[in-house]
Amino acid sequence: MSAYGFAHLRSRRNHSDILEYLVRIQATLDPFAGRFVIHGPPVEVVEGVWPGSMVLIEFPGLAEARAWYDSPAYRAILRLRTDHVEGDLVLIEGVGPTYDPAERAHTLRTEAGRAGQSTT
């Protein structure tokens, strides 16, 4: 099941370190079959407020995403980004092609019922 590295970049400063990070990051992703899906274009906000931009990197699975983040190659360039960009990064597993949100709702209702919680 695919997994993703999702970053919400709230502020950034143009700095030579950021350019160096961009030049070097793909080489850190290649051994883990990571690829950019979204890379920082301005977003079209249709609900709420979204300050900043986003990055989405796809991996074959969560193990590869974790291995990339913990790799010596990525750790060597991480500060080039974190010293100049305020944001958050999460690793998350995706859903498969048979994912059914109605089934998820049923599971949540069942769990809430067992815990004595209201679903309204």
PDB file of N, CA and C in Angstrom:
ATOM      1  N   MET A   1       0.846  -1.173   0.000  1.00  0.00           N
ATOM      2  CA  MET A   1       0.000   0.000   0.000  1.00  0.00           C
ATOM      3  C   MET A   1       0.895   1.241   0.000  1.00  0.00           C
ATOM      4  N   SER A   2       0.623   2.151  -0.881  1.00  0.00           N
ATOM      5  CA  SER A   2       1.417   3.376  -0.962  1.00  0.00           C
ATOM      6  C   SER A   2       1.358   4.150   0.346  1.00  0.00           C
ATOM      7  N   ALA A   3       2.418   4.870   0.605  1.00  0.00           N
ATOM      8  CA  ALA A   3       2.487   5.766   1.755  1.00  0.00           C
ATOM      9  C   ALA A   3       3.026   7.101   1.254  1.00  0.00           C
ATOM     10  N   TYR A   4       2.832   8.113   2.075  1.00  0.00           N
ATOM     11  CA  TYR A   4       3.161   9.462   1.636  1.00  0.00           C
ATOM     12  C   TYR A   4       3.897  10.233   2.716  1.00  0.00           C
ATOM     13  N   GLY A   5       4.788  11.074   2.273  1.00  0.00           N
ATOM     14  CA  GLY A   5       5.358  12.105   3.112  1.00  0.00           C
ATOM     15  C   GLY A   5       4.639  13.386   2.733  1.00  0.00           C
ATOM     16  N   PHE A   6       3.901  13.952   3.674  1.00  0.00           N
ATOM     17  CA  PHE A   6       3.123  15.162   3.405  1.00  0.00           C
ATOM     18  C   PHE A   6       3.680  16.294   4.246  1.00  0.00           C
ATOM     19  N   ALA A   7       4.054  17.371   3.602  1.00  0.00           N
ATOM     20  CA  ALA A   7       4.578  18.538   4.310  1.00  0.00           C
ATOM     21  C   ALA A   7       3.680  19.741   4.043  1.00  0.00           C
ATOM     22  N   HIS A   8       3.346  20.430   5.120  1.00  0.00           N
ATOM     23  CA  HIS A   8       2.645  21.708   5.030  1.00  0.00           C
ATOM     24  C   HIS A   8       3.680  22.765   5.366  1.00  0.00           C
ATOM     25  N   LEU A   9       4.079  23.519   4.373  1.00  0.00           N
ATOM     26  CA  LEU A   9       5.113  24.545   4.537  1.00  0.00           C
ATOM     27  C   LEU A   9       4.427  25.893   4.701  1.00  0.00           C
ATOM     28  N   ARG A  10       4.489  26.412   5.924  1.00  0.00           N
ATOM     29  CA  ARG A  10       3.762  27.645   6.229  1.00  0.00           C
ATOM     30  C   ARG A  10       4.541  28.900   5.874  1.00  0.00           C
ATOM     31  N   SER A  11       5.821  28.859   6.028  1.00  0.00           N
ATOM     32  CA  SER A  11       6.615  30.032   5.666  1.00  0.00           C
ATOM     33  C   SER A  11       7.968  29.556   5.194  1.00  0.00           C
ATOM     34  N   ARG A  12       8.517  30.312   4.321  1.00  0.00           N
ATOM     35  CA  ARG A  12       9.841  29.946   3.829  1.00  0.00           C
ATOM     36  C   ARG A  12      10.600  31.211   3.481  1.00  0.00           C
ATOM     37  N   ARG A  13      11.892  31.066   3.568  1.00  0.00           N
ATOM     38  CA  ARG A  13      12.778  32.165   3.186  1.00  0.00           C
ATOM     39  C   ARG A  13      13.637  31.680   2.035  1.00  0.00           C
ATOM     40  N   ASN A  14      13.730  32.490   1.019  1.00  0.00           N
ATOM     41  CA  ASN A  14      14.630  32.126  -0.065  1.00  0.00           C
ATOM     42  C   ASN A  14      16.050  32.212   0.458  1.00  0.00           C
ATOM     43  N   HIS A  15      16.737  31.117   0.402  1.00  0.00           N
ATOM     44  CA  HIS A  15      18.083  31.025   0.947  1.00  0.00           C
ATOM     45  C   HIS A  15      18.857  30.029   0.103  1.00  0.00           C
ATOM     46  N   SER A  16      20.139  30.211  -0.014  1.00  0.00           N
ATOM     47  CA  SER A  16      20.957  29.299  -0.815  1.00  0.00           C
ATOM     48  C   SER A  16      20.883  27.865  -0.290  1.00  0.00           C
ATOM     49  N   ASP A  17      20.666  27.686   1.023  1.00  0.00           N
ATOM     50  CA  ASP A  17      20.526  26.333   1.572  1.00  0.00           C
ATOM     51  C   ASP A  17      19.303  25.617   0.996  1.00  0.00           C
ATOM     52  N   ILE A  18      18.230  26.351   0.776  1.00  0.00           N
ATOM     53  CA  ILE A  18      17.020  25.753   0.211  1.00  0.00           C
ATOM     54  C   ILE A  18      17.298  25.282  -1.208  1.00  0.00           C
ATOM     55  N   LEU A  19      18.006  26.074  -1.983  1.00  0.00           N
ATOM     56  CA  LEU A  19      18.353  25.664  -3.342  1.00  0.00           C
ATOM     57  C   LEU A  19      19.236  24.420  -3.319  1.00  0.00           C
ATOM     58  N   GLU A  20      20.167  24.353  -2.394  1.00  0.00           N
ATOM     59  CA  GLU A  20      21.024  23.170  -2.246  1.00  0.00           C
ATOM     60  C   GLU A  20      20.188  21.949  -1.864  1.00  0.00           C
ATOM     61  N   TYR A  21      19.253  22.121  -0.969  1.00  0.00           N
ATOM     62  CA  TYR A  21      18.338  21.043  -0.562  1.00  0.00           C
ATOM     63  C   TYR A  21      17.577  20.516  -1.778  1.00  0.00           C
ATOM     64  N   LEU A  22      17.045  21.424  -2.586  1.00  0.00           N
ATOM     65  CA  LEU A  22      16.284  21.022  -3.763  1.00  0.00           C
ATOM     66  C   LEU A  22      17.146  20.261  -4.767  1.00  0.00           C
ATOM     67  N   VAL A  23      18.384  20.675  -4.915  1.00  0.00           N
ATOM     68  CA  VAL A  23      19.300  19.986  -5.823  1.00  0.00           C
ATOM     69  C   VAL A  23      19.586  18.567  -5.338  1.00  0.00           C
ATOM     70  N   ARG A  24      19.666  18.376  -4.019  1.00  0.00           N
ATOM     71  CA  ARG A  24      20.113  17.102  -3.452  1.00  0.00           C
ATOM     72  C   ARG A  24      19.003  16.133  -3.042  1.00  0.00           C
ATOM     73  N   ILE A  25      17.768  16.590  -2.893  1.00  0.00           N
ATOM     74  CA  ILE A  25      16.746  15.721  -2.305  1.00  0.00           C
ATOM     75  C   ILE A  25      16.394  14.510  -3.162  1.00  0.00           C
ATOM     76  N   GLN A  26      16.328  14.652  -4.482  1.00  0.00           N
ATOM     77  CA  GLN A  26      15.912  13.510  -5.298  1.00  0.00           C
ATOM     78  C   GLN A  26      16.854  12.321  -5.124  1.00  0.00           C
ATOM     79  N   ALA A  27      18.140  12.569  -4.979  1.00  0.00           N
ATOM     80  CA  ALA A  27      19.100  11.472  -4.768  1.00  0.00           C
ATOM     81  C   ALA A  27      18.828  10.733  -3.461  1.00  0.00           C
ATOM     82  N   THR A  28      18.224  11.421  -2.478  1.00  0.00           N
ATOM     83  CA  THR A  28      17.885  10.741  -1.219  1.00  0.00           C
ATOM     84  C   THR A  28      16.610   9.915  -1.363  1.00  0.00           C
ATOM     85  N   LEU A  29      15.745  10.298  -2.282  1.00  0.00           N
ATOM     86  CA  LEU A  29      14.484   9.589  -2.507  1.00  0.00           C
ATOM     87  C   LEU A  29      14.652   8.348  -3.381  1.00  0.00           C
ATOM     88  N   ASP A  30      15.557   8.401  -4.346  1.00  0.00           N
ATOM     89  CA  ASP A  30      15.703   7.328  -5.330  1.00  0.00           C
ATOM     90  C   ASP A  30      15.878   5.936  -4.725  1.00  0.00           C
ATOM     91  N   PRO A  31      16.726   5.737  -3.703  1.00  0.00           N
ATOM     92  CA  PRO A  31      16.878   4.384  -3.161  1.00  0.00           C
ATOM     93  C   PRO A  31      15.606   3.822  -2.516  1.00  0.00           C
ATOM     94  N   PHE A  32      14.629   4.676  -2.237  1.00  0.00           N
ATOM     95  CA  PHE A  32      13.400   4.258  -1.572  1.00  0.00           C
ATOM     96  C   PHE A  32      12.189   4.379  -2.498  1.00  0.00           C
ATOM     97  N   ALA A  33      12.453   4.572  -3.790  1.00  0.00           N
ATOM     98  CA  ALA A  33      11.414   4.707  -4.813  1.00  0.00           C
ATOM     99  C   ALA A  33      10.441   5.837  -4.486  1.00  0.00           C
ATOM    100  N   GLY A  34      10.957   6.900  -3.897  1.00  0.00           N
ATOM    101  CA  GLY A  34      10.127   8.057  -3.587  1.00  0.00           C
ATOM    102  C   GLY A  34      10.029   8.984  -4.785  1.00  0.00           C
ATOM    103  N   ARG A  35       8.835   9.557  -4.954  1.00  0.00           N
ATOM    104  CA  ARG A  35       8.646  10.495  -6.067  1.00  0.00           C
ATOM    105  C   ARG A  35       7.716  11.625  -5.641  1.00  0.00           C
ATOM    106  N   PHE A  36       8.012  12.804  -6.133  1.00  0.00           N
ATOM    107  CA  PHE A  36       7.170  13.954  -5.844  1.00  0.00           C
ATOM    108  C   PHE A  36       5.840  13.813  -6.584  1.00  0.00           C
ATOM    109  N   VAL A  37       4.764  14.039  -5.868  1.00  0.00           N
ATOM    110  CA  VAL A  37       3.425  14.092  -6.452  1.00  0.00           C
ATOM    111  C   VAL A  37       2.972  15.544  -6.511  1.00  0.00           C
ATOM    112  N   ILE A  38       3.246  16.288  -5.452  1.00  0.00           N
ATOM    113  CA  ILE A  38       2.984  17.733  -5.369  1.00  0.00           C
ATOM    114  C   ILE A  38       4.250  18.366  -4.821  1.00  0.00           C
ATOM    115  N   HIS A  39       4.640  19.489  -5.398  1.00  0.00           N
ATOM    116  CA  HIS A  39       5.842  20.144  -4.893  1.00  0.00           C
ATOM    117  C   HIS A  39       5.682  21.651  -4.867  1.00  0.00           C
ATOM    118  N   GLY A  40       4.910  22.112  -3.903  1.00  0.00           N
ATOM    119  CA  GLY A  40       4.887  23.506  -3.522  1.00  0.00           C
ATOM    120  C   GLY A  40       4.229  24.538  -4.390  1.00  0.00           C
ATOM    121  N   PRO A  41       3.375  24.181  -5.346  1.00  0.00           N
ATOM    122  CA  PRO A  41       2.721  25.276  -6.052  1.00  0.00           C
ATOM    123  C   PRO A  41       1.724  25.971  -5.135  1.00  0.00           C
ATOM    124  N   PRO A  42       1.360  27.196  -5.455  1.00  0.00           N
ATOM    125  CA  PRO A  42       0.313  27.847  -4.656  1.00  0.00           C
ATOM    126  C   PRO A  42      -0.958  27.000  -4.697  1.00  0.00           C
ATOM    127  N   VAL A  43      -1.689  26.997  -3.607  1.00  0.00           N
ATOM    128  CA  VAL A  43      -2.921  26.220  -3.527  1.00  0.00           C
ATOM    129  C   VAL A  43      -4.121  27.109  -3.813  1.00  0.00           C
ATOM    130  N   GLU A  44      -5.180  26.520  -4.289  1.00  0.00           N
ATOM    131  CA  GLU A  44      -6.452  27.214  -4.458  1.00  0.00           C
ATOM    132  C   GLU A  44      -7.308  26.846  -3.254  1.00  0.00           C
ATOM    133  N   VAL A  45      -7.471  27.774  -2.343  1.00  0.00           N
ATOM    134  CA  VAL A  45      -8.225  27.514  -1.122  1.00  0.00           C
ATOM    135  C   VAL A  45      -9.709  27.684  -1.429  1.00  0.00           C
ATOM    136  N   VAL A  46     -10.474  26.607  -1.230  1.00  0.00           N
ATOM    137  CA  VAL A  46     -11.919  26.673  -1.481  1.00  0.00           C
ATOM    138  C   VAL A  46     -12.727  26.607  -0.192  1.00  0.00           C
ATOM    139  N   GLU A  47     -12.094  26.202   0.910  1.00  0.00           N
ATOM    140  CA  GLU A  47     -12.721  26.219   2.229  1.00  0.00           C
ATOM    141  C   GLU A  47     -11.637  26.541   3.250  1.00  0.00           C
ATOM    142  N   GLY A  48     -11.961  27.389   4.191  1.00  0.00           N
ATOM    143  CA  GLY A  48     -11.030  27.690   5.269  1.00  0.00           C
ATOM    144  C   GLY A  48      -9.842  28.529   4.819  1.00  0.00           C
ATOM    145  N   VAL A  49      -8.765  28.394   5.575  1.00  0.00           N
ATOM    146  CA  VAL A  49      -7.545  29.160   5.335  1.00  0.00           C
ATOM    147  C   VAL A  49      -6.393  28.173   5.222  1.00  0.00           C
ATOM    148  N   TRP A  50      -5.533  28.369   4.272  1.00  0.00           N
ATOM    149  CA  TRP A  50      -4.373  27.497   4.109  1.00  0.00           C
ATOM    150  C   TRP A  50      -3.153  28.384   3.861  1.00  0.00           C
ATOM    151  N   PRO A  51      -2.463  28.745   4.924  1.00  0.00           N
ATOM    152  CA  PRO A  51      -1.261  29.550   4.727  1.00  0.00           C
ATOM    153  C   PRO A  51      -0.114  28.673   4.228  1.00  0.00           C
ATOM    154  N   GLY A  52       0.525  29.093   3.174  1.00  0.00           N
ATOM    155  CA  GLY A  52       1.702  28.376   2.705  1.00  0.00           C
ATOM    156  C   GLY A  52       1.432  27.482   1.516  1.00  0.00           C
ATOM    157  N   SER A  53       2.233  26.440   1.428  1.00  0.00           N
ATOM    158  CA  SER A  53       2.149  25.510   0.316  1.00  0.00           C
ATOM    159  C   SER A  53       2.304  24.091   0.843  1.00  0.00           C
ATOM    160  N   MET A  54       2.303  23.129  -0.067  1.00  0.00           N
ATOM    161  CA  MET A  54       2.417  21.740   0.363  1.00  0.00           C
ATOM    162  C   MET A  54       3.350  20.969  -0.547  1.00  0.00           C
ATOM    163  N   VAL A  55       3.838  19.869   0.019  1.00  0.00           N
ATOM    164  CA  VAL A  55       4.655  18.920  -0.724  1.00  0.00           C
ATOM    165  C   VAL A  55       4.094  17.537  -0.406  1.00  0.00           C
ATOM    166  N   LEU A  56       3.964  16.710  -1.430  1.00  0.00           N
ATOM    167  CA  LEU A  56       3.513  15.337  -1.245  1.00  0.00           C
ATOM    168  C   LEU A  56       4.472  14.424  -1.993  1.00  0.00           C
ATOM    169  N   ILE A  57       5.074  13.490  -1.260  1.00  0.00           N
ATOM    170  CA  ILE A  57       6.010  12.528  -1.843  1.00  0.00           C
ATOM    171  C   ILE A  57       5.422  11.146  -1.643  1.00  0.00           C
ATOM    172  N   GLU A  58       5.361  10.371  -2.704  1.00  0.00           N
ATOM    173  CA  GLU A  58       4.803   9.020  -2.639  1.00  0.00           C
ATOM    174  C   GLU A  58       5.920   7.991  -2.530  1.00  0.00           C
ATOM    175  N   PHE A  59       5.672   6.972  -1.709  1.00  0.00           N
ATOM    176  CA  PHE A  59       6.582   5.839  -1.532  1.00  0.00           C
ATOM    177  C   PHE A  59       5.790   4.552  -1.734  1.00  0.00           C
ATOM    178  N   PRO A  60       6.468   3.449  -2.045  1.00  0.00           N
ATOM    179  CA  PRO A  60       5.755   2.177  -2.191  1.00  0.00           C
ATOM    180  C   PRO A  60       5.035   1.741  -0.914  1.00  0.00           C
ATOM    181  N   GLY A  61       5.562   2.109   0.246  1.00  0.00           N
ATOM    182  CA  GLY A  61       4.946   1.732   1.511  1.00  0.00           C
ATOM    183  C   GLY A  61       5.504   2.560   2.652  1.00  0.00           C
ATOM    184  N   LEU A  62       4.921   2.379   3.827  1.00  0.00           N
ATOM    185  CA  LEU A  62       5.337   3.136   4.998  1.00  0.00           C
ATOM    186  C   LEU A  62       6.768   2.806   5.415  1.00  0.00           C
ATOM    187  N   ALA A  63       7.186   1.562   5.227  1.00  0.00           N
ATOM    188  CA  ALA A  63       8.558   1.177   5.581  1.00  0.00           C
ATOM    189  C   ALA A  63       9.567   1.975   4.756  1.00  0.00           C
ATOM    190  N   GLU A  64       9.302   2.155   3.471  1.00  0.00           N
ATOM    191  CA  GLU A  64      10.206   2.929   2.618  1.00  0.00           C
ATOM    192  C   GLU A  64      10.197   4.408   3.010  1.00  0.00           C
ATOM    193  N   ALA A  65       9.021   4.934   3.344  1.00  0.00           N
ATOM    194  CA  ALA A  65       8.940   6.344   3.757  1.00  0.00           C
ATOM    195  C   ALA A  65       9.745   6.578   5.027  1.00  0.00           C
ATOM    196  N   ARG A  66       9.598   5.684   5.992  1.00  0.00           N
ATOM    197  CA  ARG A  66      10.366   5.819   7.245  1.00  0.00           C
ATOM    198  C   ARG A  66      11.860   5.662   6.997  1.00  0.00           C
ATOM    199  N   ALA A  67      12.211   4.676   6.167  1.00  0.00           N
ATOM    200  CA  ALA A  67      13.628   4.434   5.869  1.00  0.00           C
ATOM    201  C   ALA A  67      14.257   5.641   5.177  1.00  0.00           C
ATOM    202  N   TRP A  68      13.505   6.270   4.270  1.00  0.00           N
ATOM    203  CA  TRP A  68      14.015   7.488   3.618  1.00  0.00           C
ATOM    204  C   TRP A  68      14.260   8.582   4.649  1.00  0.00           C
ATOM    205  N   TYR A  69      13.250   8.858   5.485  1.00  0.00           N
ATOM    206  CA  TYR A  69      13.383   9.947   6.454  1.00  0.00           C
ATOM    207  C   TYR A  69      14.541   9.710   7.416  1.00  0.00           C
ATOM    208  N   ASP A  70      14.763   8.470   7.793  1.00  0.00           N
ATOM    209  CA  ASP A  70      15.832   8.135   8.734  1.00  0.00           C
ATOM    210  C   ASP A  70      17.179   7.877   8.065  1.00  0.00           C
ATOM    211  N   SER A  71      17.232   7.929   6.749  1.00  0.00           N
ATOM    212  CA  SER A  71      18.470   7.591   6.039  1.00  0.00           C
ATOM    213  C   SER A  71      19.562   8.627   6.294  1.00  0.00           C
ATOM    214  N   PRO A  72      20.808   8.187   6.339  1.00  0.00           N
ATOM    215  CA  PRO A  72      21.916   9.137   6.505  1.00  0.00           C
ATOM    216  C   PRO A  72      21.942  10.195   5.400  1.00  0.00           C
ATOM    217  N   ALA A  73      21.585   9.812   4.182  1.00  0.00           N
ATOM    218  CA  ALA A  73      21.611  10.779   3.080  1.00  0.00           C
ATOM    219  C   ALA A  73      20.603  11.900   3.304  1.00  0.00           C
ATOM    220  N   TYR A  74      19.393  11.554   3.750  1.00  0.00           N
ATOM    221  CA  TYR A  74      18.404  12.603   3.984  1.00  0.00           C
ATOM    222  C   TYR A  74      18.751  13.409   5.240  1.00  0.00           C
ATOM    223  N   ARG A  75      19.195  12.727   6.265  1.00  0.00           N
ATOM    224  CA  ARG A  75      19.574  13.436   7.492  1.00  0.00           C
ATOM    225  C   ARG A  75      20.679  14.457   7.234  1.00  0.00           C
ATOM    226  N   ALA A  76      21.530  14.165   6.250  1.00  0.00           N
ATOM    227  CA  ALA A  76      22.631  15.074   5.926  1.00  0.00           C
ATOM    228  C   ALA A  76      22.146  16.391   5.326  1.00  0.00           C
ATOM    229  N   ILE A  77      20.948  16.386   4.703  1.00  0.00           N
ATOM    230  CA  ILE A  77      20.447  17.626   4.097  1.00  0.00           C
ATOM    231  C   ILE A  77      19.252  18.225   4.838  1.00  0.00           C
ATOM    232  N   LEU A  78      18.725  17.537   5.812  1.00  0.00           N
ATOM    233  CA  LEU A  78      17.498  17.969   6.493  1.00  0.00           C
ATOM    234  C   LEU A  78      17.589  19.399   7.021  1.00  0.00           C
ATOM    235  N   ARG A  79      18.684  19.739   7.662  1.00  0.00           N
ATOM    236  CA  ARG A  79      18.814  21.092   8.241  1.00  0.00           C
ATOM    237  C   ARG A  79      18.823  22.189   7.180  1.00  0.00           C
ATOM    238  N   LEU A  80      19.191  21.852   5.969  1.00  0.00           N
ATOM    239  CA  LEU A  80      19.139  22.852   4.898  1.00  0.00           C
ATOM    240  C   LEU A  80      17.715  23.372   4.732  1.00  0.00           C
ATOM    241  N   ARG A  81      16.735  22.502   4.967  1.00  0.00           N
ATOM    242  CA  ARG A  81      15.330  22.897   4.889  1.00  0.00           C
ATOM    243  C   ARG A  81      14.816  23.441   6.211  1.00  0.00           C
ATOM    244  N   THR A  82      15.013  22.697   7.286  1.00  0.00           N
ATOM    245  CA  THR A  82      14.378  23.061   8.552  1.00  0.00           C
ATOM    246  C   THR A  82      14.913  24.360   9.143  1.00  0.00           C
ATOM    247  N   ASP A  83      16.110  24.747   8.770  1.00  0.00           N
ATOM    248  CA  ASP A  83      16.637  26.024   9.267  1.00  0.00           C
ATOM    249  C   ASP A  83      15.984  27.233   8.602  1.00  0.00           C
ATOM    250  N   HIS A  84      15.266  27.010   7.483  1.00  0.00           N
ATOM    251  CA  HIS A  84      14.759  28.141   6.713  1.00  0.00           C
ATOM    252  C   HIS A  84      13.281  28.049   6.345  1.00  0.00           C
ATOM    253  N   VAL A  85      12.648  26.931   6.656  1.00  0.00           N
ATOM    254  CA  VAL A  85      11.239  26.746   6.302  1.00  0.00           C
ATOM    255  C   VAL A  85      10.486  26.288   7.539  1.00  0.00           C
ATOM    256  N   GLU A  86       9.435  27.018   7.889  1.00  0.00           N
ATOM    257  CA  GLU A  86       8.573  26.603   8.995  1.00  0.00           C
ATOM    258  C   GLU A  86       7.487  25.704   8.421  1.00  0.00           C
ATOM    259  N   GLY A  87       7.327  24.537   9.021  1.00  0.00           N
ATOM    260  CA  GLY A  87       6.298  23.645   8.522  1.00  0.00           C
ATOM    261  C   GLY A  87       6.249  22.353   9.307  1.00  0.00           C
ATOM    262  N   ASP A  88       5.380  21.474   8.858  1.00  0.00           N
ATOM    263  CA  ASP A  88       5.190  20.167   9.477  1.00  0.00           C
ATOM    264  C   ASP A  88       5.341  19.101   8.408  1.00  0.00           C
ATOM    265  N   LEU A  89       5.812  17.933   8.821  1.00  0.00           N
ATOM    266  CA  LEU A  89       5.940  16.796   7.925  1.00  0.00           C
ATOM    267  C   LEU A  89       5.377  15.573   8.615  1.00  0.00           C
ATOM    268  N   VAL A  90       4.504  14.861   7.932  1.00  0.00           N
ATOM    269  CA  VAL A  90       3.958  13.616   8.464  1.00  0.00           C
ATOM    270  C   VAL A  90       4.164  12.521   7.436  1.00  0.00           C
ATOM    271  N   LEU A  91       4.316  11.297   7.932  1.00  0.00           N
ATOM    272  CA  LEU A  91       4.325  10.110   7.089  1.00  0.00           C
ATOM    273  C   LEU A  91       3.008   9.401   7.333  1.00  0.00           C
ATOM    274  N   ILE A  92       2.332   9.029   6.261  1.00  0.00           N
ATOM    275  CA  ILE A  92       1.001   8.438   6.407  1.00  0.00           C
ATOM    276  C   ILE A  92       0.766   7.404   5.314  1.00  0.00           C
ATOM    277  N   GLU A  93       0.114   6.325   5.713  1.00  0.00           N
ATOM    278  CA  GLU A  93      -0.226   5.281   4.757  1.00  0.00           C
ATOM    279  C   GLU A  93      -1.483   5.674   4.012  1.00  0.00           C
ATOM    280  N   GLY A  94      -1.500   5.398   2.731  1.00  0.00           N
ATOM    281  CA  GLY A  94      -2.669   5.699   1.914  1.00  0.00           C
ATOM    282  C   GLY A  94      -3.736   4.630   2.054  1.00  0.00           C
ATOM    283  N   VAL A  95      -4.799   4.800   1.322  1.00  0.00           N
ATOM    284  CA  VAL A  95      -5.861   3.798   1.286  1.00  0.00           C
ATOM    285  C   VAL A  95      -5.780   3.074  -0.051  1.00  0.00           C
ATOM    286  N   GLY A  96      -6.227   1.849  -0.073  1.00  0.00           N
ATOM    287  CA  GLY A  96      -6.182   1.045  -1.286  1.00  0.00           C
ATOM    288  C   GLY A  96      -7.322   1.356  -2.227  1.00  0.00           C
ATOM    289  N   PRO A  97      -7.314   0.730  -3.394  1.00  0.00           N
ATOM    290  CA  PRO A  97      -8.349   1.003  -4.404  1.00  0.00           C
ATOM    291  C   PRO A  97      -9.737   0.518  -4.000  1.00  0.00           C
ATOM    292  N   THR A  98      -9.813  -0.336  -2.996  1.00  0.00           N
ATOM    293  CA  THR A  98     -11.125  -0.829  -2.564  1.00  0.00           C
ATOM    294  C   THR A  98     -11.645  -0.088  -1.331  1.00  0.00           C
ATOM    295  N   TYR A  99     -10.985   0.992  -0.946  1.00  0.00           N
ATOM    296  CA  TYR A  99     -11.419   1.761   0.223  1.00  0.00           C
ATOM    297  C   TYR A  99     -12.856   2.225   0.053  1.00  0.00           C
ATOM    298  N   ASP A 100     -13.651   2.061   1.120  1.00  0.00           N
ATOM    299  CA  ASP A 100     -15.063   2.443   1.101  1.00  0.00           C
ATOM    300  C   ASP A 100     -15.329   3.352   2.297  1.00  0.00           C
ATOM    301  N   PRO A 101     -15.572   4.643   2.076  1.00  0.00           N
ATOM    302  CA  PRO A 101     -15.815   5.534   3.198  1.00  0.00           C
ATOM    303  C   PRO A 101     -17.061   5.165   4.001  1.00  0.00           C
ATOM    304  N   ALA A 102     -18.058   4.568   3.366  1.00  0.00           N
ATOM    305  CA  ALA A 102     -19.255   4.140   4.109  1.00  0.00           C
ATOM    306  C   ALA A 102     -18.885   3.024   5.088  1.00  0.00           C
ATOM    307  N   GLU A 103     -18.001   2.138   4.679  1.00  0.00           N
ATOM    308  CA  GLU A 103     -17.536   1.080   5.584  1.00  0.00           C
ATOM    309  C   GLU A 103     -16.768   1.692   6.757  1.00  0.00           C
ATOM    310  N   ARG A 104     -16.000   2.714   6.485  1.00  0.00           N
ATOM    311  CA  ARG A 104     -15.270   3.414   7.549  1.00  0.00           C
ATOM    312  C   ARG A 104     -16.257   4.045   8.534  1.00  0.00           C
ATOM    313  N   ALA A 105     -17.322   4.640   8.034  1.00  0.00           N
ATOM    314  CA  ALA A 105     -18.343   5.233   8.902  1.00  0.00           C
ATOM    315  C   ALA A 105     -18.975   4.168   9.785  1.00  0.00           C
ATOM    316  N   HIS A 106     -19.255   3.011   9.215  1.00  0.00           N
ATOM    317  CA  HIS A 106     -19.824   1.906   9.982  1.00  0.00           C
ATOM    318  C   HIS A 106     -18.880   1.492  11.113  1.00  0.00           C
ATOM    319  N   THR A 107     -17.600   1.361  10.804  1.00  0.00           N
ATOM    320  CA  THR A 107     -16.603   0.995  11.816  1.00  0.00           C
ATOM    321  C   THR A 107     -16.544   2.043  12.927  1.00  0.00           C
ATOM    322  N   LEU A 108     -16.563   3.313  12.561  1.00  0.00           N
ATOM    323  CA  LEU A 108     -16.519   4.388  13.567  1.00  0.00           C
ATOM    324  C   LEU A 108     -17.769   4.370  14.447  1.00  0.00           C
ATOM    325  N   ARG A 109     -18.942   4.117  13.840  1.00  0.00           N
ATOM    326  CA  ARG A 109     -20.176   4.030  14.633  1.00  0.00           C
ATOM    327  C   ARG A 109     -20.108   2.866  15.623  1.00  0.00           C
ATOM    328  N   THR A 110     -19.606   1.740  15.147  1.00  0.00           N
ATOM    329  CA  THR A 110     -19.496   0.554  16.002  1.00  0.00           C
ATOM    330  C   THR A 110     -18.529   0.828  17.168  1.00  0.00           C
ATOM    331  N   GLU A 111     -17.392   1.435  16.882  1.00  0.00           N
ATOM    332  CA  GLU A 111     -16.418   1.764  17.921  1.00  0.00           C
ATOM    333  C   GLU A 111     -17.006   2.755  18.919  1.00  0.00           C
ATOM    334  N   ALA A 112     -17.722   3.763  18.439  1.00  0.00           N
ATOM    335  CA  ALA A 112     -18.327   4.749  19.325  1.00  0.00           C
ATOM    336  C   ALA A 112     -19.384   4.108  20.204  1.00  0.00           C
ATOM    337  N   GLY A 113     -20.167   3.192  19.643  1.00  0.00           N
ATOM    338  CA  GLY A 113     -21.189   2.490  20.418  1.00  0.00           C
ATOM    339  C   GLY A 113     -20.572   1.667  21.548  1.00  0.00           C
ATOM    340  N   ARG A 114     -19.462   1.000  21.255  1.00  0.00           N
ATOM    341  CA  ARG A 114     -18.783   0.205  22.291  1.00  0.00           C
ATOM    342  C   ARG A 114     -18.225   1.096  23.390  1.00  0.00           C
ATOM    343  N   ALA A 115     -17.831   2.301  23.034  1.00  0.00           N
ATOM    344  CA  ALA A 115     -17.255   3.208  24.024  1.00  0.00           C
ATOM    345  C   ALA A 115     -18.325   4.054  24.710  1.00  0.00           C
ATOM    346  N   GLY A 116     -19.593   3.880  24.303  1.00  0.00           N
ATOM    347  CA  GLY A 116     -20.672   4.649  24.928  1.00  0.00           C
ATOM    348  C   GLY A 116     -20.726   6.093  24.466  1.00  0.00           C
ATOM    349  N   GLN A 117     -20.181   6.371  23.281  1.00  0.00           N
ATOM    350  CA  GLN A 117     -20.162   7.738  22.759  1.00  0.00           C
ATOM    351  C   GLN A 117     -21.311   7.927  21.775  1.00  0.00           C
ATOM    352  N   SER A 118     -21.784   9.134  21.689  1.00  0.00           N
ATOM    353  CA  SER A 118     -22.819   9.470  20.710  1.00  0.00           C
ATOM    354  C   SER A 118     -22.171   9.706  19.358  1.00  0.00           C
ATOM    355  N   THR A 119     -22.865   9.336  18.304  1.00  0.00           N
ATOM    356  CA  THR A 119     -22.372   9.608  16.952  1.00  0.00           C
ATOM    357  C   THR A 119     -23.116  10.753  16.306  1.00  0.00           C
ATOM    358  N   THR A 120     -23.857  11.512  17.122  1.00  0.00           N
ATOM    359  CA  THR A 120     -24.592  12.662  16.550  1.00  0.00           C
ATOM    360  C   THR A 120     -23.932  13.939  16.943  1.00  0.00           C
TER     361      THR A 120
END
